Each structure stands twice: as C-alpha cells, then as structure tokens.
Amino acid sequence: MAFIRDFLSPPYPSRQREEVDRLLNELLQIGKMEDFLSERPGGSFNMQCRHIRAIQIGKRFDEIGGLPMMEFAKRRVRRRLGVQLTSHLDYCWEGIGKWTA
C-alpha cells in the first residue's frame, strides 16, 4: 500500500522531483557499491564508520520533506537493496532531523 501512496502522493514538492530522483539514484548506487556503513573509518566513511555522502543525502532529504521524505527514501532502498542494507541506512542516518534507528 505504501508503494501506491508513494506513487500518487510523494512527500516532496513536484518542482523537486528531478533532484529527489537524482539523489535517490545516488543513494542506491552508494548502497550497491560501498554500503552505508563500514568496519573502519576512512575514505568515504567518517569516524563513526558512516558513509559521508549518504549522510549528506539524508540531510538534504530532511530539508526537502522531513521525516516523511526520509522514510520514502528508506522504502525505496528496502525495495531495491533489501533489509540488511536498509538497516545499515537506518544507522547511517541516525541523528538527522527526527530520524532514529
């Protein structure tokens, strides 16, 4: 049912659809290629072993549409990448806006 709701009434203004689509695709690529968490900091990962760009994307989603926008993105990640990477995204985004893992 969330899929239909997301399609008919996305949690972002229509004028930002291009940006949201671009950011969602980038987030999915990060998940596929690098993951959202690491065992060690360095490179793309901060001192808490969270993916730096994924955090930036989460912050932008929060600016665009708050928690509903972030939940929308999480549902997309779950559909495309599965439950394990979705749980990694939960922890990566911990502390952004009203997000809690």
N, C-alpha and C. Protein backbone atom coordinates (compact mmCIF):
# COMPACT_ATOMS: atom_id res chain seq x y z
N MET A 1 0.81 -1.19 0.00
CA MET A 1 0.00 0.00 0.00
C MET A 1 0.86 1.26 0.00
N ALA A 2 1.99 1.23 0.67
CA ALA A 2 2.89 2.39 0.69
C ALA A 2 3.38 2.71 -0.72
N PHE A 3 3.57 1.68 -1.54
CA PHE A 3 4.03 1.89 -2.91
C PHE A 3 3.04 2.76 -3.68
N ILE A 4 1.77 2.47 -3.53
CA ILE A 4 0.74 3.23 -4.23
C ILE A 4 0.69 4.66 -3.68
N ARG A 5 0.75 4.79 -2.35
CA ARG A 5 0.75 6.12 -1.73
C ARG A 5 1.95 6.94 -2.20
N ASP A 6 3.13 6.30 -2.23
CA ASP A 6 4.33 6.99 -2.69
C ASP A 6 4.19 7.46 -4.12
N PHE A 7 3.57 6.64 -4.95
CA PHE A 7 3.40 6.98 -6.35
C PHE A 7 2.40 8.12 -6.54
N LEU A 8 1.27 8.05 -5.83
CA LEU A 8 0.20 9.03 -6.01
C LEU A 8 0.44 10.33 -5.25
N SER A 9 1.12 10.24 -4.12
CA SER A 9 1.32 11.42 -3.29
C SER A 9 2.72 11.41 -2.67
N PRO A 10 3.74 11.67 -3.47
CA PRO A 10 5.10 11.66 -2.93
C PRO A 10 5.29 12.77 -1.89
N PRO A 11 6.21 12.56 -0.93
CA PRO A 11 6.39 13.51 0.17
C PRO A 11 7.33 14.67 -0.16
N TYR A 12 7.27 15.15 -1.38
CA TYR A 12 8.12 16.27 -1.79
C TYR A 12 7.38 17.08 -2.84
N PRO A 13 7.71 18.35 -2.96
CA PRO A 13 7.06 19.20 -3.98
C PRO A 13 7.44 18.71 -5.39
N SER A 14 6.49 18.79 -6.30
CA SER A 14 6.73 18.31 -7.66
C SER A 14 7.90 19.02 -8.33
N ARG A 15 8.16 20.27 -7.97
CA ARG A 15 9.27 21.01 -8.58
C ARG A 15 10.63 20.42 -8.19
N GLN A 16 10.65 19.55 -7.18
CA GLN A 16 11.91 18.96 -6.74
C GLN A 16 12.06 17.50 -7.16
N ARG A 17 11.18 17.05 -8.02
CA ARG A 17 11.22 15.64 -8.43
C ARG A 17 12.55 15.25 -9.06
N GLU A 18 13.08 16.09 -9.92
CA GLU A 18 14.37 15.79 -10.57
C GLU A 18 15.48 15.61 -9.54
N GLU A 19 15.56 16.54 -8.60
CA GLU A 19 16.59 16.45 -7.56
C GLU A 19 16.40 15.20 -6.71
N VAL A 20 15.16 14.92 -6.31
CA VAL A 20 14.89 13.74 -5.49
C VAL A 20 15.26 12.47 -6.25
N ASP A 21 14.88 12.37 -7.50
CA ASP A 21 15.23 11.19 -8.30
C ASP A 21 16.74 11.02 -8.40
N ARG A 22 17.45 12.11 -8.63
CA ARG A 22 18.91 12.05 -8.74
C ARG A 22 19.53 11.59 -7.43
N LEU A 23 19.07 12.16 -6.32
CA LEU A 23 19.60 11.78 -5.01
C LEU A 23 19.27 10.34 -4.65
N LEU A 24 18.06 9.90 -4.97
CA LEU A 24 17.68 8.51 -4.71
C LEU A 24 18.57 7.55 -5.49
N ASN A 25 18.79 7.87 -6.75
CA ASN A 25 19.67 7.01 -7.56
C ASN A 25 21.09 6.97 -7.01
N GLU A 26 21.58 8.12 -6.57
CA GLU A 26 22.91 8.17 -5.98
C GLU A 26 22.97 7.35 -4.69
N LEU A 27 21.94 7.46 -3.87
CA LEU A 27 21.88 6.70 -2.63
C LEU A 27 21.86 5.20 -2.90
N LEU A 28 21.10 4.79 -3.88
CA LEU A 28 21.05 3.37 -4.26
C LEU A 28 22.42 2.89 -4.75
N GLN A 29 23.09 3.71 -5.53
CA GLN A 29 24.43 3.34 -6.01
C GLN A 29 25.41 3.20 -4.86
N ILE A 30 25.34 4.10 -3.89
CA ILE A 30 26.21 4.00 -2.71
C ILE A 30 25.96 2.68 -2.01
N GLY A 31 24.70 2.36 -1.80
CA GLY A 31 24.37 1.10 -1.13
C GLY A 31 24.88 -0.11 -1.88
N LYS A 32 24.71 -0.13 -3.19
CA LYS A 32 25.16 -1.26 -4.02
C LYS A 32 26.67 -1.38 -4.05
N MET A 33 27.35 -0.26 -4.20
CA MET A 33 28.79 -0.29 -4.45
C MET A 33 29.64 -0.25 -3.18
N GLU A 34 29.18 0.46 -2.16
CA GLU A 34 30.03 0.67 -0.99
C GLU A 34 29.40 0.29 0.34
N ASP A 35 28.08 0.26 0.42
CA ASP A 35 27.34 0.09 1.67
C ASP A 35 27.22 1.44 2.37
N PHE A 36 26.38 1.52 3.38
CA PHE A 36 26.18 2.75 4.12
C PHE A 36 27.03 2.80 5.39
N LEU A 37 27.54 1.63 5.78
CA LEU A 37 28.39 1.52 6.96
C LEU A 37 29.66 0.79 6.60
N SER A 38 30.69 1.00 7.40
CA SER A 38 31.96 0.32 7.19
C SER A 38 32.46 -0.21 8.53
N GLU A 39 33.38 -1.11 8.47
CA GLU A 39 34.01 -1.60 9.70
C GLU A 39 35.08 -0.64 10.19
N ARG A 40 35.60 0.18 9.28
CA ARG A 40 36.68 1.11 9.63
C ARG A 40 36.41 2.48 9.00
N PRO A 41 36.79 3.54 9.69
CA PRO A 41 36.66 4.88 9.10
C PRO A 41 37.72 5.09 8.01
N GLY A 42 37.50 6.11 7.23
CA GLY A 42 38.46 6.47 6.19
C GLY A 42 37.81 6.45 4.82
N GLY A 43 38.41 7.16 3.89
CA GLY A 43 37.86 7.23 2.54
C GLY A 43 36.49 7.86 2.56
N SER A 44 35.48 7.13 2.13
CA SER A 44 34.11 7.63 2.06
C SER A 44 33.38 7.59 3.40
N PHE A 45 34.05 7.08 4.44
CA PHE A 45 33.39 6.87 5.72
C PHE A 45 33.98 7.76 6.82
N ASN A 46 33.09 8.32 7.64
CA ASN A 46 33.54 9.21 8.70
C ASN A 46 34.07 8.41 9.90
N MET A 47 34.36 9.09 10.99
CA MET A 47 34.94 8.45 12.17
C MET A 47 33.96 7.48 12.84
N GLN A 48 32.66 7.65 12.57
CA GLN A 48 31.65 6.71 13.10
C GLN A 48 31.36 5.60 12.10
N CYS A 49 32.17 5.51 11.05
CA CYS A 49 32.07 4.47 10.02
C CYS A 49 30.78 4.57 9.22
N ARG A 50 30.26 5.78 9.07
CA ARG A 50 29.05 6.03 8.29
C ARG A 50 29.44 6.71 6.99
N HIS A 51 28.77 6.37 5.92
CA HIS A 51 29.09 6.91 4.60
C HIS A 51 28.79 8.41 4.55
N ILE A 52 29.79 9.20 4.27
CA ILE A 52 29.69 10.66 4.32
C ILE A 52 28.67 11.19 3.32
N ARG A 53 28.70 10.74 2.09
CA ARG A 53 27.76 11.24 1.08
C ARG A 53 26.34 10.79 1.38
N ALA A 54 26.15 9.58 1.90
CA ALA A 54 24.81 9.12 2.27
C ALA A 54 24.23 10.00 3.38
N ILE A 55 25.07 10.45 4.30
CA ILE A 55 24.62 11.36 5.34
C ILE A 55 24.19 12.69 4.72
N GLN A 56 24.98 13.21 3.79
CA GLN A 56 24.64 14.47 3.13
C GLN A 56 23.30 14.35 2.40
N ILE A 57 23.09 13.22 1.74
CA ILE A 57 21.82 12.99 1.04
C ILE A 57 20.67 12.94 2.04
N GLY A 58 20.87 12.26 3.15
CA GLY A 58 19.84 12.20 4.20
C GLY A 58 19.49 13.59 4.71
N LYS A 59 20.50 14.43 4.91
CA LYS A 59 20.25 15.80 5.37
C LYS A 59 19.46 16.59 4.34
N ARG A 60 19.77 16.38 3.07
CA ARG A 60 19.03 17.09 2.01
C ARG A 60 17.59 16.60 1.95
N PHE A 61 17.38 15.29 2.09
CA PHE A 61 16.01 14.77 2.12
C PHE A 61 15.24 15.37 3.29
N ASP A 62 15.90 15.52 4.44
CA ASP A 62 15.25 16.13 5.59
C ASP A 62 14.85 17.57 5.28
N GLU A 63 15.72 18.31 4.59
CA GLU A 63 15.39 19.69 4.20
C GLU A 63 14.22 19.73 3.23
N ILE A 64 14.18 18.78 2.31
CA ILE A 64 13.14 18.77 1.28
C ILE A 64 11.78 18.41 1.86
N GLY A 65 11.72 17.37 2.69
CA GLY A 65 10.41 16.90 3.15
C GLY A 65 10.39 16.28 4.53
N GLY A 66 11.44 16.50 5.31
CA GLY A 66 11.46 16.00 6.67
C GLY A 66 11.43 14.48 6.77
N LEU A 67 10.92 14.00 7.88
CA LEU A 67 10.87 12.57 8.14
C LEU A 67 10.09 11.79 7.08
N PRO A 68 8.95 12.30 6.59
CA PRO A 68 8.24 11.55 5.53
C PRO A 68 9.10 11.34 4.27
N MET A 69 9.90 12.33 3.92
CA MET A 69 10.77 12.20 2.75
C MET A 69 11.85 11.15 3.01
N MET A 70 12.41 11.16 4.20
CA MET A 70 13.45 10.18 4.54
C MET A 70 12.87 8.76 4.58
N GLU A 71 11.66 8.62 5.10
CA GLU A 71 11.01 7.31 5.13
C GLU A 71 10.70 6.83 3.71
N PHE A 72 10.32 7.75 2.85
CA PHE A 72 10.09 7.44 1.43
C PHE A 72 11.36 6.85 0.82
N ALA A 73 12.49 7.51 1.06
CA ALA A 73 13.77 7.04 0.53
C ALA A 73 14.13 5.68 1.12
N LYS A 74 13.87 5.49 2.39
CA LYS A 74 14.16 4.20 3.03
C LYS A 74 13.34 3.08 2.38
N ARG A 75 12.08 3.35 2.11
CA ARG A 75 11.25 2.33 1.44
C ARG A 75 11.81 1.98 0.07
N ARG A 76 12.30 2.97 -0.65
CA ARG A 76 12.90 2.72 -1.97
C ARG A 76 14.16 1.86 -1.82
N VAL A 77 14.99 2.16 -0.83
CA VAL A 77 16.19 1.36 -0.58
C VAL A 77 15.80 -0.07 -0.23
N ARG A 78 14.79 -0.24 0.62
CA ARG A 78 14.37 -1.58 1.01
C ARG A 78 13.88 -2.38 -0.20
N ARG A 79 13.10 -1.74 -1.06
CA ARG A 79 12.60 -2.44 -2.25
C ARG A 79 13.73 -2.84 -3.20
N ARG A 80 14.73 -1.98 -3.34
CA ARG A 80 15.79 -2.23 -4.31
C ARG A 80 16.98 -3.00 -3.76
N LEU A 81 17.32 -2.78 -2.47
CA LEU A 81 18.56 -3.34 -1.94
C LEU A 81 18.37 -4.34 -0.81
N GLY A 82 17.17 -4.43 -0.27
CA GLY A 82 16.92 -5.42 0.76
C GLY A 82 16.99 -4.89 2.19
N VAL A 83 16.65 -5.79 3.10
CA VAL A 83 16.51 -5.44 4.50
C VAL A 83 17.84 -5.10 5.16
N GLN A 84 18.89 -5.86 4.88
CA GLN A 84 20.16 -5.64 5.54
C GLN A 84 20.72 -4.24 5.25
N LEU A 85 20.76 -3.87 3.98
CA LEU A 85 21.28 -2.53 3.66
C LEU A 85 20.36 -1.43 4.18
N THR A 86 19.07 -1.72 4.28
CA THR A 86 18.14 -0.76 4.85
C THR A 86 18.46 -0.52 6.32
N SER A 87 18.80 -1.58 7.04
CA SER A 87 19.16 -1.39 8.46
C SER A 87 20.47 -0.60 8.58
N HIS A 88 21.38 -0.79 7.63
CA HIS A 88 22.61 0.00 7.63
C HIS A 88 22.29 1.48 7.39
N LEU A 89 21.35 1.74 6.48
CA LEU A 89 20.95 3.13 6.23
C LEU A 89 20.34 3.75 7.48
N ASP A 90 19.55 2.96 8.21
CA ASP A 90 18.97 3.45 9.47
C ASP A 90 20.05 4.04 10.38
N TYR A 91 21.12 3.29 10.57
CA TYR A 91 22.19 3.74 11.46
C TYR A 91 23.03 4.86 10.84
N CYS A 92 23.18 4.83 9.54
CA CYS A 92 23.92 5.89 8.85
C CYS A 92 23.23 7.24 9.06
N TRP A 93 21.90 7.24 9.02
CA TRP A 93 21.13 8.47 9.13
C TRP A 93 20.79 8.85 10.57
N GLU A 94 21.20 8.07 11.55
CA GLU A 94 20.89 8.36 12.95
C GLU A 94 21.26 9.80 13.29
N GLY A 95 20.31 10.52 13.86
CA GLY A 95 20.56 11.90 14.29
C GLY A 95 20.27 12.97 13.27
N ILE A 96 19.85 12.60 12.07
CA ILE A 96 19.48 13.58 11.05
C ILE A 96 18.02 13.94 11.27
N GLY A 97 17.74 15.19 11.49
CA GLY A 97 16.35 15.62 11.71
C GLY A 97 15.72 14.82 12.83
N LYS A 98 14.58 14.23 12.57
CA LYS A 98 13.87 13.41 13.57
C LYS A 98 14.11 11.92 13.38
N TRP A 99 15.10 11.58 12.58
CA TRP A 99 15.39 10.17 12.27
C TRP A 99 15.98 9.47 13.47
N THR A 100 15.45 8.28 13.78
CA THR A 100 16.03 7.41 14.80
C THR A 100 16.06 6.00 14.26
N ALA A 101 17.14 5.32 14.54
CA ALA A 101 17.29 3.94 14.05
C ALA A 101 16.53 2.98 14.94
